[in-house]
Protein backbone atom coordinates (compact mmCIF):
# COMPACT_ATOMS: atom_id res chain seq x y z
CA MET A 1 0.02 -0.15 0.02
CA ALA A 2 1.50 3.31 -1.00
CA LYS A 3 2.08 6.00 1.78
CA ARG A 4 -0.20 8.45 0.04
CA GLU A 5 -3.25 6.13 0.44
CA LEU A 6 -2.96 6.54 4.21
CA PRO A 7 -4.64 9.48 5.84
CA LYS A 8 -2.71 12.49 7.35
CA HIS A 9 -0.26 11.68 10.09
CA VAL A 10 -0.86 7.87 9.65
CA TYR A 11 2.14 5.73 8.69
CA ARG A 12 2.73 1.95 8.35
CA GLN A 13 5.58 0.37 10.27
CA SER A 14 6.74 -3.24 10.23
CA ASN A 15 4.47 -4.18 13.15
CA GLY A 16 1.45 -2.05 12.30
CA ILE A 17 -0.05 1.32 11.52
CA TYR A 18 0.56 4.43 13.61
CA PHE A 19 -0.70 7.85 14.13
CA GLN A 20 2.47 9.97 14.27
CA ARG A 21 2.33 13.66 14.62
CA ARG A 22 4.89 16.26 15.91
CA GLY A 23 4.22 17.16 19.42
CA TRP A 24 1.83 14.20 19.94
CA PRO A 25 2.41 10.85 21.53
CA SER A 26 2.82 8.02 18.89
CA GLN A 27 -0.28 5.76 18.95
CA LYS A 28 -0.65 2.28 17.31
CA PHE A 29 -4.18 1.73 15.67
CA GLN A 30 -5.94 -1.41 16.88
CA SER A 31 -8.15 -1.57 13.95
CA GLU A 32 -7.32 -2.68 10.41
CA PHE A 33 -6.76 0.19 8.02
CA GLY A 34 -9.96 0.91 5.73
CA THR A 35 -12.48 -0.57 8.15
CA ALA A 36 -15.18 1.50 9.75
CA GLU A 37 -13.48 0.84 13.22
CA PHE A 38 -10.30 2.23 11.99
CA TRP A 39 -12.06 5.51 10.84
CA THR A 40 -13.71 5.83 14.11
CA GLU A 41 -10.44 5.39 16.04
CA TYR A 42 -8.82 7.97 13.56
CA ALA A 43 -11.52 10.53 14.12
CA GLY A 44 -11.31 10.01 17.79
CA ILE A 45 -7.60 10.69 17.82
CA LEU A 46 -8.18 14.01 16.10
CA SER A 47 -11.29 15.12 18.02
CA GLN A 48 -11.09 17.94 20.62
CA LYS A 49 -12.45 15.76 23.37
CA ASP A 50 -10.02 12.71 22.96
CA ARG A 51 -7.04 14.61 21.78
CA PRO A 52 -3.86 13.31 23.44
CA ARG A 53 -2.02 15.93 25.48
CA LYS A 54 0.74 17.59 23.49
CA VAL A 55 4.01 16.80 24.63
CA VAL A 56 5.90 19.82 25.72
CA THR A 57 9.61 19.20 26.71
CA ARG A 58 10.34 22.83 27.46
CA ASN A 59 8.07 23.42 30.31
CA PHE A 60 8.70 25.06 33.72
CA GLY A 61 9.19 21.69 35.06
CA ALA A 62 11.83 20.91 32.78
CA LEU A 63 13.58 24.14 33.30
CA ILE A 64 13.50 23.73 37.04
CA ASP A 65 15.06 20.28 36.80
CA HIS A 66 17.71 21.64 34.38
CA TYR A 67 18.40 24.48 36.92
CA ARG A 68 18.89 22.26 39.72
CA LYS A 69 21.54 20.33 38.01
CA SER A 70 23.45 23.52 36.83
CA PRO A 71 26.48 25.00 38.53
CA ARG A 72 24.42 28.18 39.26
CA TYR A 73 22.35 26.09 41.72
CA LYS A 74 24.94 23.57 43.06
CA ASN A 75 27.15 26.82 44.08
CA LEU A 76 24.42 28.25 46.19
CA LYS A 77 25.12 28.19 50.05
CA PRO A 78 23.13 25.40 51.90
CA ARG A 79 20.78 27.67 53.49
CA THR A 80 20.21 29.70 50.36
CA GLY A 81 19.59 26.45 48.32
CA LEU A 82 16.81 25.43 50.66
CA ASP A 83 15.09 28.72 50.49
CA TYR A 84 15.28 28.63 46.74
CA ASP A 85 13.83 24.99 46.87
CA LYS A 86 10.47 26.28 48.25
CA TYR A 87 10.04 28.72 45.61
CA LEU A 88 11.11 26.45 42.79
CA ASP A 89 8.58 23.81 44.19
CA PHE A 90 5.96 26.61 44.22
CA PHE A 91 6.59 27.40 40.61
CA ARG A 92 6.28 23.88 39.58
CA GLU A 93 3.13 23.50 41.39
CA ILE A 94 1.33 26.50 39.74
CA MET A 95 2.91 26.43 36.35
CA GLY A 96 4.90 23.13 35.83
CA ASP A 97 3.46 22.58 32.49
CA ALA A 98 3.60 26.07 30.99
CA ASN A 99 5.99 27.16 28.32
CA PRO A 100 8.54 29.46 29.96
CA ALA A 101 9.45 30.90 26.52
CA LYS A 102 5.85 32.46 26.37
CA MET A 103 5.91 34.14 29.77
CA GLN A 104 5.78 37.98 29.56
CA ARG A 105 6.57 40.93 31.83
CA LYS A 106 2.99 41.27 32.77
CA ASP A 107 2.78 37.58 33.70
CA VAL A 108 5.53 38.24 36.08
CA ILE A 109 3.90 41.17 37.53
CA ARG A 110 0.63 39.25 37.84
CA LEU A 111 2.33 36.55 39.86
CA ARG A 112 4.01 39.10 42.01
CA ASP A 113 0.76 40.98 42.83
CA SER A 114 -1.04 37.72 43.42
CA ASN A 115 1.01 37.49 46.51
CA ALA A 116 1.08 41.10 47.59
CA GLU A 117 -0.49 40.42 50.96
CA LYS A 118 2.53 38.35 51.68
CA ALA A 119 5.32 40.82 50.53
CA TYR A 120 8.33 38.94 51.68
CA PHE A 121 7.12 35.76 49.71
CA ALA A 122 6.22 37.84 46.69
CA ASN A 123 9.54 39.60 46.57
CA TYR A 124 11.60 36.37 47.39
CA SER A 125 9.66 34.55 44.59
CA LEU A 126 10.46 37.22 42.03
CA ARG A 127 14.04 37.07 42.80
CA VAL A 128 14.16 33.30 42.32
CA LEU A 129 12.05 33.60 39.21
CA ARG A 130 14.63 36.24 37.84
CA VAL A 131 17.38 33.66 38.45
CA LEU A 132 15.38 30.84 36.80
CA MET A 133 14.43 32.95 33.73
CA GLU A 134 18.09 33.89 33.34
CA HIS A 135 19.02 30.31 33.26
CA CYS A 136 16.29 29.81 30.47
CA VAL A 137 18.01 32.56 28.47
CA ASP A 138 21.32 30.88 28.91
CA LEU A 139 19.71 27.51 27.68
CA GLY A 140 18.59 29.26 24.56
CA TRP A 141 14.90 28.70 25.34
CA ARG A 142 14.17 32.59 24.83
CA GLU A 143 15.99 35.72 24.12
CA THR A 144 15.15 37.93 27.17
CA ASN A 145 14.50 37.74 30.76
CA PRO A 146 10.91 38.87 31.51
CA ALA A 147 11.51 39.17 35.38
CA ARG A 148 14.54 41.58 34.84
CA GLY A 149 13.75 44.85 36.11
CA VAL A 150 10.33 44.13 37.60
CA PRO A 151 10.33 46.07 41.03
CA GLU A 152 9.71 44.22 44.22
CA ILE A 153 6.87 45.40 46.37
CA LYS A 154 7.70 48.18 48.57
CA THR A 155 7.27 47.51 52.33
CA ALA A 156 7.93 49.63 55.45
CA LYS A 157 11.04 48.06 56.74
CA THR A 158 11.46 47.68 60.49
CA GLU A 159 15.14 47.85 61.34
CA ARG A 160 16.32 44.90 63.51
CA GLU A 161 17.70 46.03 66.77
CA PRO A 162 19.93 44.44 69.70
CA TRP A 163 18.31 43.06 72.59
CA PRO A 164 18.36 45.64 75.55
CA ARG A 165 20.68 44.75 78.16
CA GLU A 166 18.00 44.25 80.78
CA LEU A 167 15.97 42.09 78.71
CA LEU A 168 18.86 39.86 78.11
CA ASP A 169 19.19 39.52 81.77
CA VAL A 170 15.40 38.54 82.02
CA TYR A 171 16.27 35.92 79.29
CA ARG A 172 19.11 34.44 81.42
CA ALA A 173 16.97 34.49 84.68
CA HIS A 174 14.16 32.64 82.66
CA CYS A 175 16.51 29.94 81.07
CA PRO A 176 19.16 28.81 83.59
CA LEU A 177 22.30 27.16 82.54
CA GLY A 178 22.02 23.60 81.39
CA THR A 179 19.09 24.53 78.96
CA ARG A 180 19.41 24.64 75.30
CA GLU A 181 17.61 28.05 75.25
CA ARG A 182 20.25 29.63 77.34
CA LEU A 183 22.97 28.01 75.30
CA VAL A 184 21.85 29.00 72.12
CA MET A 185 21.64 32.52 73.21
CA GLU A 186 25.16 32.51 74.72
CA LEU A 187 26.68 31.04 71.71
CA CYS A 188 24.95 33.61 69.24
CA VAL A 189 25.85 36.54 71.48
CA GLY A 190 29.10 35.28 72.50
CA THR A 191 30.56 34.48 69.20
CA GLY A 192 28.45 36.98 67.04
CA GLN A 193 27.73 34.38 64.29
CA ARG A 194 24.63 33.69 62.39
CA ILE A 195 22.29 31.21 63.88
CA GLY A 196 22.85 28.76 61.05
CA ASP A 197 26.56 28.69 61.79
CA VAL A 198 25.94 28.26 65.45
CA LEU A 199 23.57 25.33 65.17
CA THR A 200 26.27 23.47 63.20
CA MET A 201 28.99 24.12 65.75
CA ARG A 202 30.70 20.85 67.02
CA TRP A 203 32.55 20.21 70.33
CA SER A 204 35.64 19.62 68.31
CA ASN A 205 35.60 23.17 67.10
CA ILE A 206 36.58 24.33 70.48
CA GLU A 207 40.41 24.81 70.90
CA ASN A 208 42.52 26.85 73.09
CA GLY A 209 39.77 28.71 74.72
CA ALA A 210 38.06 29.66 71.41
CA VAL A 211 35.75 28.25 68.82
CA TRP A 212 36.61 27.63 65.34
CA VAL A 213 33.88 28.86 62.94
CA ARG A 214 33.56 28.49 58.90
CA GLN A 215 30.69 30.78 58.05
CA SER A 216 28.49 29.04 55.65
CA LYS A 217 27.56 32.20 53.92
CA THR A 218 31.04 33.81 53.33
CA SER A 219 33.23 30.67 53.93
CA LYS A 220 35.40 32.64 56.11
CA GLU A 221 37.20 30.98 58.85
CA LEU A 222 37.19 32.72 62.18
CA TRP A 223 38.84 31.72 65.66
CA VAL A 224 36.55 33.33 68.24
CA PRO A 225 37.84 33.42 71.77
CA ILE A 226 35.19 32.13 74.27
CA LEU A 227 33.66 34.69 76.81
CA PRO A 228 33.00 33.72 80.44
CA GLU A 229 29.30 33.85 80.17
CA LEU A 230 29.58 31.42 77.17
CA GLN A 231 32.13 29.24 78.85
CA ALA A 232 29.76 28.72 81.84
CA ALA A 233 26.91 27.75 79.58
CA LEU A 234 29.31 25.23 77.80
CA ASP A 235 30.40 23.73 80.95
CA ALA A 236 26.80 23.23 81.99
CA ALA A 237 25.72 21.42 78.58
CA SER A 238 25.50 17.83 78.30
CA ARG A 239 27.39 16.04 75.50
CA HIS A 240 25.26 13.54 73.62
CA SER A 241 26.37 14.43 70.29
CA VAL A 242 29.08 15.77 68.19
CA TYR A 243 27.12 18.82 67.97
CA ILE A 244 27.04 21.43 70.79
CA LEU A 245 23.35 22.19 70.27
CA THR A 246 21.43 19.07 69.71
CA ASN A 247 17.70 18.09 69.38
CA GLU A 248 15.57 16.93 72.37
CA ARG A 249 16.92 13.19 72.05
CA GLY A 250 20.51 14.34 71.56
CA THR A 251 20.98 12.38 68.46
CA ASN A 252 21.61 15.13 66.04
CA ARG A 253 22.03 18.90 65.76
CA TRP A 254 19.26 21.12 66.62
CA SER A 255 17.29 22.28 63.67
CA TYR A 256 16.61 25.87 62.84
CA ARG A 257 12.77 25.41 63.06
CA GLY A 258 13.39 23.92 66.46
CA ALA A 259 15.59 26.33 67.78
CA SER A 260 13.56 29.27 66.50
CA ALA A 261 10.30 27.89 67.88
CA ALA A 262 11.82 27.15 71.49
CA VAL A 263 13.38 30.75 71.52
CA ARG A 264 9.86 32.24 70.25
CA LYS A 265 8.28 30.61 73.14
CA VAL A 266 10.59 32.31 75.71
CA ARG A 267 10.15 35.56 74.15
CA GLU A 268 6.41 35.32 74.27
CA GLN A 269 6.75 34.41 78.07
CA ILE A 270 9.20 37.47 78.97
CA GLY A 271 7.61 39.95 76.58
CA ALA A 272 10.47 40.02 73.99
CA LEU A 273 8.53 39.45 70.74
CA ALA A 274 10.16 42.65 69.44
CA TYR A 275 13.58 40.99 69.34
CA ASP A 276 14.42 37.71 67.77
CA ILE A 277 17.01 35.04 67.42
CA HIS A 278 18.88 37.09 64.61
CA SER A 279 19.10 40.10 66.87
CA TRP A 280 21.80 38.47 69.07
CA ARG A 281 24.26 38.98 66.19
CA TYR A 282 23.55 42.73 66.58
CA ASN A 283 24.05 42.61 70.27
CA ALA A 284 27.63 41.12 69.62
CA ALA A 285 28.59 43.89 67.20
CA CYS A 286 27.22 46.77 69.36
CA GLU A 287 28.68 45.31 72.58
CA LEU A 288 32.08 45.33 70.70
CA LEU A 289 31.55 48.90 69.58
CA GLU A 290 30.62 50.07 73.04
CA ALA A 291 33.67 48.33 74.38
CA GLY A 292 35.75 50.84 72.10
CA CYS A 293 36.51 48.42 69.20
CA GLY A 294 37.08 49.72 65.79
CA ASP A 295 35.39 48.30 62.60
CA ASP A 296 38.45 45.93 61.89
CA LEU A 297 38.25 44.33 65.59
CA ILE A 298 34.47 43.99 65.41
CA ALA A 299 34.93 42.25 61.98
CA ALA A 300 37.56 39.96 63.52
CA VAL A 301 34.79 38.36 65.63
CA THR A 302 31.72 38.68 63.51
CA GLY A 303 33.36 37.97 60.09
CA GLN A 304 31.32 41.06 58.37
CA SER A 305 32.29 43.20 55.90
CA PRO A 306 32.93 46.88 56.70
CA ALA A 307 29.49 47.84 55.36
CA MET A 308 27.67 45.19 57.49
CA VAL A 309 29.58 46.24 60.64
CA GLN A 310 28.37 49.91 59.89
CA HIS A 311 24.95 48.67 59.39
CA TYR A 312 24.64 46.41 62.37
CA THR A 313 25.98 49.07 64.63
CA LYS A 314 24.68 52.44 62.95
CA LYS A 315 22.14 53.14 65.82
CA VAL A 316 24.55 52.51 68.60
CA ARG A 317 27.26 54.38 66.89
CA GLN A 318 24.97 57.62 66.27
CA ARG A 319 24.16 57.55 70.00
CA ILE A 320 27.89 57.20 70.90
CA ARG A 321 28.81 60.01 68.38
CA ALA A 322 25.79 62.10 69.60
CA VAL A 323 27.09 61.82 73.26
CA GLN A 324 30.63 62.86 72.41
CA ALA A 325 29.42 65.67 70.37
CA GLN A 326 27.12 67.01 73.14
CA GLN A 327 30.05 66.73 75.52
CA MET A 328 32.30 68.82 73.29
CA ARG A 329 29.49 71.25 72.99
CA THR A 330 29.10 71.63 76.64
CA GLU A 331 32.88 72.05 77.23
CA GLN A 332 33.09 74.72 74.76
CA HIS A 333 30.62 77.00 76.90
CA ARG A 334 32.28 76.40 80.02
CA PRO A 335 33.83 79.56 81.29
């Protein structure tokens, strides 16, 4: 039988007759060609109701899979990678089958605005989408990045501040030595490190009266001497694991979620909800400044860049400068 005698998109193979059309799954006919059953089967394939779903290989699901295999994703810091995963999974859920080549700027704005009541989520999802679409451009799937230049939702920013000294005293009184809540606070304040780095600290990191830290975000290695308050908390801690801070069973390190929830419970009980677990890093930087340390000495403990040292200490720095200025002003007018 000549090929032209077969209807459109129908081809004879060695083992039967197939419907083959670009972008459609290949299907073998069950009926003999020329019979009424064959034409019914053929019409069913072409009909809108029974049309097979078009196979799209360049969809968001495939783009996300490809991105996760790329150096761009693999080079992310562990904590950043976990954050990205939440938004990548969100994109897969809402538009996994969509074609990223067809996404326009208006679609990006619509996605951002659909989460406007959750500004942090909306803005972070926009950042991740911007990176994902840049990867799409790099793959050659499209020419431009529709998320580039789309502004984030403006929010009233609340500046994080260090815990007041008297509130830290209340915290210490509420959480005696030997509790994980006390130990995590003393580690954060005493070393000036991010909570993520504090939770991964091991007993083996302690050496010659100091703790070795390798910051996950910057990869900096720091040797931070242990303060008396922290040493007392370490002496009172039980050692059930290689990690200093462990879960309740002492079998593994304390998770961020677990530590954050435990500290929040204490904050609720002592009226400190305005100050969170991240504010303790501010305490460390500000206490060093108040002790007379210059920015280079502060950075030697916290591992921060000069700009971040300035940011973390700017309010305390302003107060110190203002006191100095007013004292000079007063002395000028003395007879």
